């Protein structure tokens, strides 16, 4: 009916205390950690990197496909090669494919419009001469 005071209903094993491994002792955005259990049974802190959203198009804001999502300092010359930082097309690492396609189509249509105007002008001159 009544439990004696010597037995407790929950497990009373001690939990291993963990401390930060680096100098920063505050729980900030750059000091995120997770707890891992080593093969020897010890608990140990592992530092996690910040989540990366990846490079975005300057005009539309879409994520640019084909470019690795890494922190800015990892984009430096000696960390990543050029192939991993760009896409092989015009405005490769800056603009998304849709924006580039729209620019190409718009340029083509403006050139076509110029040609049509020139043809109409020539046709109008020919009509005046007759």
N, C-alpha and C. Protein backbone atom coordinates (compact mmCIF):
# COMPACT_ATOMS: atom_id res chain seq x y z
N UNK A 1 0.82 -1.18 0.00
CA UNK A 1 0.00 0.00 0.00
C UNK A 1 0.87 1.26 0.00
N UNK A 2 1.65 1.50 1.07
CA UNK A 2 2.58 2.61 1.11
C UNK A 2 3.96 2.14 0.71
N UNK A 3 4.68 2.95 -0.11
CA UNK A 3 6.04 2.58 -0.47
C UNK A 3 6.98 3.04 0.64
N UNK A 4 8.00 2.25 0.87
CA UNK A 4 8.96 2.65 1.90
C UNK A 4 9.83 3.79 1.37
N UNK A 5 10.44 4.55 2.25
CA UNK A 5 11.22 5.71 1.85
C UNK A 5 12.56 5.33 1.21
N UNK A 6 13.01 4.09 1.36
CA UNK A 6 14.31 3.70 0.81
C UNK A 6 14.26 3.43 -0.69
N UNK A 7 13.15 2.98 -1.22
CA UNK A 7 13.05 2.71 -2.67
C UNK A 7 12.40 3.89 -3.37
N UNK A 8 12.91 4.19 -4.55
CA UNK A 8 12.34 5.29 -5.33
C UNK A 8 11.76 4.72 -6.61
N UNK A 9 10.69 5.31 -7.14
CA UNK A 9 10.05 4.77 -8.33
C UNK A 9 10.80 5.04 -9.63
N UNK A 10 11.84 5.86 -9.62
CA UNK A 10 12.56 6.18 -10.85
C UNK A 10 14.03 5.82 -10.72
N UNK A 11 14.70 5.76 -11.84
CA UNK A 11 16.11 5.37 -11.88
C UNK A 11 16.97 6.52 -11.34
N UNK A 12 17.90 6.25 -10.48
CA UNK A 12 18.68 7.31 -9.84
C UNK A 12 20.13 7.31 -10.29
N UNK A 13 20.41 6.81 -11.51
CA UNK A 13 21.80 6.84 -11.96
C UNK A 13 22.19 8.27 -12.33
N UNK A 14 23.45 8.61 -12.08
CA UNK A 14 23.94 9.97 -12.35
C UNK A 14 24.14 10.14 -13.86
N UNK A 15 23.86 11.33 -14.32
CA UNK A 15 24.07 11.66 -15.73
C UNK A 15 25.42 12.34 -15.86
N UNK A 16 26.15 11.97 -16.90
CA UNK A 16 27.47 12.58 -17.11
C UNK A 16 27.30 14.04 -17.49
N UNK A 17 28.01 14.93 -16.81
CA UNK A 17 27.92 16.36 -17.12
C UNK A 17 28.80 16.66 -18.32
N UNK A 18 28.32 17.58 -19.14
CA UNK A 18 29.06 17.95 -20.34
C UNK A 18 29.40 19.44 -20.30
N UNK A 19 30.57 19.78 -20.75
CA UNK A 19 30.98 21.18 -20.84
C UNK A 19 31.37 21.48 -22.27
N UNK A 20 31.33 22.76 -22.62
CA UNK A 20 31.78 23.17 -23.95
C UNK A 20 33.25 22.87 -24.12
N UNK A 21 33.66 22.58 -25.35
CA UNK A 21 35.05 22.25 -25.61
C UNK A 21 35.84 23.46 -26.09
N UNK A 22 35.13 24.51 -26.49
CA UNK A 22 35.79 25.72 -26.97
C UNK A 22 35.68 26.82 -25.93
N UNK A 23 36.23 27.97 -26.25
CA UNK A 23 36.29 29.05 -25.26
C UNK A 23 34.94 29.73 -25.02
N UNK A 24 34.08 29.77 -26.03
CA UNK A 24 32.80 30.46 -25.88
C UNK A 24 31.88 29.65 -24.99
N UNK A 25 31.39 30.26 -23.92
CA UNK A 25 30.61 29.51 -22.93
C UNK A 25 29.15 29.90 -22.92
N UNK A 26 28.67 30.51 -23.98
CA UNK A 26 27.28 30.93 -24.04
C UNK A 26 26.55 30.17 -25.15
N UNK A 27 25.25 29.97 -24.95
CA UNK A 27 24.46 29.22 -25.92
C UNK A 27 23.99 30.14 -27.04
N UNK A 28 24.91 30.52 -27.90
CA UNK A 28 24.59 31.44 -28.99
C UNK A 28 24.34 30.65 -30.28
N UNK A 29 23.99 31.38 -31.35
CA UNK A 29 23.71 30.73 -32.65
C UNK A 29 24.94 30.04 -33.21
N UNK A 30 26.10 30.57 -32.91
CA UNK A 30 27.33 29.99 -33.47
C UNK A 30 27.91 28.91 -32.56
N UNK A 31 27.27 28.64 -31.43
CA UNK A 31 27.81 27.68 -30.47
C UNK A 31 26.85 26.51 -30.27
N UNK A 32 26.17 26.10 -31.33
CA UNK A 32 25.20 25.00 -31.23
C UNK A 32 25.93 23.66 -31.11
N UNK A 33 25.41 22.78 -30.29
CA UNK A 33 26.05 21.49 -30.08
C UNK A 33 25.01 20.38 -30.09
N UNK A 34 25.49 19.15 -30.20
CA UNK A 34 24.65 17.98 -29.99
C UNK A 34 25.45 16.98 -29.17
N UNK A 35 24.75 16.12 -28.47
CA UNK A 35 25.39 15.15 -27.59
C UNK A 35 25.52 13.82 -28.33
N UNK A 36 26.73 13.28 -28.35
CA UNK A 36 26.99 12.00 -28.99
C UNK A 36 27.51 11.01 -27.96
N UNK A 37 27.21 9.75 -28.19
CA UNK A 37 27.78 8.71 -27.33
C UNK A 37 28.91 8.03 -28.10
N UNK A 38 30.08 8.03 -27.52
CA UNK A 38 31.26 7.43 -28.16
C UNK A 38 31.19 5.92 -28.05
N UNK A 39 31.99 5.20 -28.82
CA UNK A 39 32.00 3.73 -28.71
C UNK A 39 32.37 3.25 -27.31
N UNK A 40 33.08 4.06 -26.55
CA UNK A 40 33.45 3.69 -25.19
C UNK A 40 32.35 3.95 -24.18
N UNK A 41 31.22 4.48 -24.63
CA UNK A 41 30.10 4.71 -23.73
C UNK A 41 30.09 6.11 -23.14
N UNK A 42 31.06 6.94 -23.45
CA UNK A 42 31.10 8.30 -22.92
C UNK A 42 30.17 9.19 -23.73
N UNK A 43 29.63 10.21 -23.06
CA UNK A 43 28.89 11.24 -23.77
C UNK A 43 29.85 12.35 -24.12
N UNK A 44 29.72 12.90 -25.33
CA UNK A 44 30.64 13.93 -25.75
C UNK A 44 29.89 14.96 -26.59
N UNK A 45 30.34 16.21 -26.52
CA UNK A 45 29.69 17.28 -27.28
C UNK A 45 30.30 17.36 -28.66
N UNK A 46 29.43 17.51 -29.69
CA UNK A 46 29.89 17.73 -31.05
C UNK A 46 29.29 19.05 -31.52
N UNK A 47 30.13 19.93 -32.07
CA UNK A 47 29.66 21.22 -32.55
C UNK A 47 29.02 21.06 -33.93
N UNK A 48 27.86 21.67 -34.11
CA UNK A 48 27.15 21.59 -35.38
C UNK A 48 27.35 22.88 -36.15
N UNK A 49 27.34 22.77 -37.50
CA UNK A 49 27.47 23.95 -38.33
C UNK A 49 26.11 24.61 -38.50
N UNK A 50 26.13 25.87 -38.88
CA UNK A 50 24.88 26.57 -39.13
C UNK A 50 24.22 26.03 -40.39
N UNK A 51 22.89 26.07 -40.42
CA UNK A 51 22.16 25.66 -41.62
C UNK A 51 22.42 26.68 -42.71
N UNK A 52 22.54 26.21 -43.96
CA UNK A 52 22.85 27.09 -45.07
C UNK A 52 21.68 27.08 -46.05
N UNK A 53 21.21 28.27 -46.42
CA UNK A 53 20.09 28.34 -47.36
C UNK A 53 20.56 28.26 -48.80
N UNK A 54 21.82 28.52 -49.06
CA UNK A 54 22.36 28.42 -50.41
C UNK A 54 22.23 29.71 -51.19
N UNK A 55 22.95 29.81 -52.31
CA UNK A 55 22.91 31.04 -53.10
C UNK A 55 21.56 31.21 -53.79
N UNK A 56 21.11 32.47 -53.86
CA UNK A 56 19.81 32.76 -54.45
C UNK A 56 19.98 33.70 -55.64
N UNK A 57 19.01 33.65 -56.54
CA UNK A 57 19.00 34.51 -57.72
C UNK A 57 18.85 35.96 -57.28
N UNK A 58 19.63 36.86 -57.91
CA UNK A 58 19.59 38.26 -57.53
C UNK A 58 18.27 38.93 -57.92
N UNK A 59 17.61 38.40 -58.95
CA UNK A 59 16.39 39.04 -59.44
C UNK A 59 15.12 38.39 -58.88
N UNK A 60 15.04 37.06 -58.98
CA UNK A 60 13.80 36.38 -58.58
C UNK A 60 13.83 35.86 -57.15
N UNK A 61 15.02 35.68 -56.58
CA UNK A 61 15.11 35.17 -55.21
C UNK A 61 15.05 33.67 -55.10
N UNK A 62 15.00 32.94 -56.24
CA UNK A 62 14.97 31.48 -56.21
C UNK A 62 16.34 30.93 -55.85
N UNK A 63 16.38 29.73 -55.29
CA UNK A 63 17.65 29.07 -55.03
C UNK A 63 18.25 28.63 -56.36
N UNK A 64 19.55 28.87 -56.53
CA UNK A 64 20.22 28.49 -57.78
C UNK A 64 20.63 27.03 -57.68
N UNK A 65 20.10 26.19 -58.57
CA UNK A 65 20.40 24.77 -58.56
C UNK A 65 21.79 24.52 -59.14
N UNK A 66 22.47 23.52 -58.60
CA UNK A 66 23.78 23.16 -59.12
C UNK A 66 24.93 23.81 -58.39
N UNK A 67 24.64 24.69 -57.43
CA UNK A 67 25.69 25.34 -56.65
C UNK A 67 25.58 24.82 -55.22
N UNK A 68 26.71 24.44 -54.65
CA UNK A 68 26.70 23.85 -53.31
C UNK A 68 26.21 24.85 -52.27
N UNK A 69 25.49 24.34 -51.27
CA UNK A 69 25.03 25.16 -50.16
C UNK A 69 26.09 25.10 -49.06
N UNK A 70 26.94 26.09 -49.02
CA UNK A 70 27.99 26.14 -48.00
C UNK A 70 28.06 27.54 -47.42
N UNK A 71 28.72 27.67 -46.26
CA UNK A 71 28.93 28.96 -45.62
C UNK A 71 29.84 29.80 -46.51
N UNK A 72 29.74 31.14 -46.41
CA UNK A 72 30.52 32.00 -47.30
C UNK A 72 32.03 31.76 -47.23
N UNK A 73 32.57 31.48 -46.07
CA UNK A 73 34.02 31.30 -45.97
C UNK A 73 34.47 30.02 -46.65
N UNK A 74 33.55 29.07 -46.85
CA UNK A 74 33.91 27.84 -47.56
C UNK A 74 33.90 28.02 -49.08
N UNK A 75 33.38 29.17 -49.55
CA UNK A 75 33.37 29.47 -50.98
C UNK A 75 34.71 30.04 -51.44
N UNK A 76 35.66 30.22 -50.54
CA UNK A 76 36.92 30.87 -50.90
C UNK A 76 37.69 30.03 -51.92
N UNK A 77 38.72 30.65 -52.51
CA UNK A 77 39.46 30.03 -53.61
C UNK A 77 40.09 28.69 -53.23
N UNK A 78 40.67 28.61 -52.04
CA UNK A 78 41.39 27.39 -51.70
C UNK A 78 40.50 26.33 -51.05
N UNK A 79 39.23 26.60 -50.86
CA UNK A 79 38.31 25.60 -50.29
C UNK A 79 37.50 24.88 -51.37
N UNK A 80 36.96 25.64 -52.31
CA UNK A 80 36.13 25.06 -53.37
C UNK A 80 36.67 25.49 -54.72
N UNK A 81 36.55 24.60 -55.70
CA UNK A 81 36.99 25.00 -57.04
C UNK A 81 35.84 25.68 -57.78
N UNK A 82 36.16 26.27 -58.93
CA UNK A 82 35.19 27.09 -59.66
C UNK A 82 33.99 26.28 -60.12
N UNK A 83 34.21 25.01 -60.45
CA UNK A 83 33.13 24.16 -60.95
C UNK A 83 32.02 23.98 -59.92
N UNK A 84 32.39 23.96 -58.64
CA UNK A 84 31.39 23.76 -57.58
C UNK A 84 30.65 25.04 -57.22
N UNK A 85 31.20 26.20 -57.63
CA UNK A 85 30.62 27.48 -57.25
C UNK A 85 29.72 28.08 -58.32
N UNK A 86 29.77 27.56 -59.55
CA UNK A 86 29.01 28.15 -60.64
C UNK A 86 28.24 27.09 -61.41
N UNK A 87 27.44 27.57 -62.36
CA UNK A 87 26.72 26.71 -63.29
C UNK A 87 27.17 27.12 -64.68
N UNK A 88 27.31 26.15 -65.59
CA UNK A 88 27.84 26.44 -66.92
C UNK A 88 26.77 26.99 -67.85
N UNK A 89 26.48 28.27 -67.68
CA UNK A 89 25.62 29.00 -68.61
C UNK A 89 25.88 30.49 -68.37
N UNK A 90 25.28 31.34 -69.16
CA UNK A 90 25.43 32.77 -68.96
C UNK A 90 24.83 33.15 -67.61
N UNK A 91 25.47 34.03 -66.90
CA UNK A 91 25.07 34.44 -65.53
C UNK A 91 24.95 33.22 -64.62
N UNK A 92 25.92 32.29 -64.71
CA UNK A 92 25.85 31.00 -64.05
C UNK A 92 25.55 30.99 -62.58
N UNK A 93 26.33 31.64 -61.74
CA UNK A 93 26.09 31.55 -60.31
C UNK A 93 25.27 32.69 -59.77
N UNK A 94 24.80 33.60 -60.65
CA UNK A 94 24.12 34.82 -60.20
C UNK A 94 22.61 34.78 -60.42
N UNK A 95 22.20 34.36 -61.62
CA UNK A 95 20.77 34.40 -61.94
C UNK A 95 20.24 32.99 -62.17
N UNK A 96 18.96 32.80 -61.86
CA UNK A 96 18.34 31.49 -62.05
C UNK A 96 18.06 31.26 -63.53
N UNK A 97 17.78 30.00 -63.87
CA UNK A 97 17.60 29.63 -65.28
C UNK A 97 16.41 30.35 -65.90
N UNK A 98 15.35 30.55 -65.15
CA UNK A 98 14.15 31.20 -65.69
C UNK A 98 14.41 32.65 -66.07
N UNK A 99 15.16 33.36 -65.22
CA UNK A 99 15.47 34.76 -65.50
C UNK A 99 16.35 34.88 -66.74
N UNK A 100 17.34 33.98 -66.85
CA UNK A 100 18.23 34.00 -68.01
C UNK A 100 17.43 33.71 -69.29
N UNK A 101 16.53 32.74 -69.23
CA UNK A 101 15.71 32.40 -70.39
C UNK A 101 14.85 33.59 -70.81
N UNK A 102 14.23 34.28 -69.83
CA UNK A 102 13.41 35.44 -70.14
C UNK A 102 14.23 36.54 -70.80
N UNK A 103 15.47 36.74 -70.32
CA UNK A 103 16.34 37.76 -70.92
C UNK A 103 16.67 37.42 -72.38
N UNK A 104 16.97 36.14 -72.62
CA UNK A 104 17.30 35.71 -73.99
C UNK A 104 16.09 35.91 -74.90
N UNK A 105 14.91 35.49 -74.45
CA UNK A 105 13.70 35.61 -75.26
C UNK A 105 13.39 37.09 -75.52
N UNK A 106 13.54 37.94 -74.49
CA UNK A 106 13.25 39.36 -74.66
C UNK A 106 14.20 39.99 -75.66
N UNK A 107 15.49 39.64 -75.59
CA UNK A 107 16.47 40.17 -76.54
C UNK A 107 16.14 39.73 -77.96
N UNK A 108 15.74 38.47 -78.11
CA UNK A 108 15.38 37.94 -79.43
C UNK A 108 14.17 38.68 -79.99
N UNK A 109 13.16 38.89 -79.15
CA UNK A 109 11.94 39.55 -79.62
C UNK A 109 12.18 41.02 -79.98
N UNK A 110 13.04 41.70 -79.23
CA UNK A 110 13.33 43.10 -79.57
C UNK A 110 14.07 43.19 -80.90
N UNK A 111 14.99 42.25 -81.15
CA UNK A 111 15.68 42.22 -82.44
C UNK A 111 14.70 41.94 -83.58
N UNK A 112 13.78 41.01 -83.36
CA UNK A 112 12.77 40.71 -84.36
C UNK A 112 11.89 41.93 -84.63
N UNK A 113 11.54 42.67 -83.57
CA UNK A 113 10.71 43.86 -83.74
C UNK A 113 11.44 44.91 -84.57
N UNK A 114 12.74 45.06 -84.34
CA UNK A 114 13.54 46.01 -85.14
C UNK A 114 13.51 45.63 -86.62
N UNK A 115 13.69 44.34 -86.88
CA UNK A 115 13.69 43.86 -88.28
C UNK A 115 12.33 44.11 -88.92
N UNK A 116 11.24 43.84 -88.19
CA UNK A 116 9.89 44.05 -88.73
C UNK A 116 9.67 45.52 -89.04
N UNK A 117 10.14 46.42 -88.16
CA UNK A 117 10.00 47.86 -88.40
C UNK A 117 10.72 48.27 -89.67
N UNK A 118 11.94 47.75 -89.83
CA UNK A 118 12.75 48.07 -91.02
C UNK A 118 12.04 47.60 -92.28
N UNK A 119 11.48 46.40 -92.26
CA UNK A 119 10.77 45.85 -93.42
C UNK A 119 9.54 46.70 -93.73
N UNK A 120 8.81 47.12 -92.68
CA UNK A 120 7.62 47.94 -92.90
C UNK A 120 7.99 49.30 -93.49
N UNK A 121 9.11 49.86 -93.03
CA UNK A 121 9.57 51.13 -93.56
C UNK A 121 9.90 51.02 -95.05
N UNK A 122 10.61 49.94 -95.40
CA UNK A 122 10.94 49.71 -96.81
C UNK A 122 9.68 49.51 -97.65
N UNK A 123 8.72 48.79 -97.09
CA UNK A 123 7.45 48.56 -97.82
C UNK A 123 6.71 49.87 -98.01
N UNK A 124 6.72 50.73 -96.97
CA UNK A 124 6.05 52.04 -97.09
C UNK A 124 6.72 52.90 -98.17
N UNK A 125 8.05 52.88 -98.23
CA UNK A 125 8.78 53.63 -99.26
C UNK A 125 8.43 53.11 -100.66
N UNK A 126 8.35 51.81 -100.78
CA UNK A 126 8.03 51.21 -102.08
C UNK A 126 6.62 51.61 -102.52
N UNK A 127 5.68 51.69 -101.57
CA UNK A 127 4.31 52.09 -101.89
C UNK A 127 4.25 53.56 -102.34
N UNK A 128 5.08 54.44 -101.74
CA UNK A 128 5.09 55.85 -102.08
C UNK A 128 5.63 56.06 -103.50
N UNK A 129 6.61 55.25 -103.88
CA UNK A 129 7.20 55.39 -105.20
C UNK A 129 6.22 55.01 -106.31
N UNK A 130 5.31 54.10 -106.02
CA UNK A 130 4.34 53.64 -107.04
C UNK A 130 3.28 54.64 -107.20
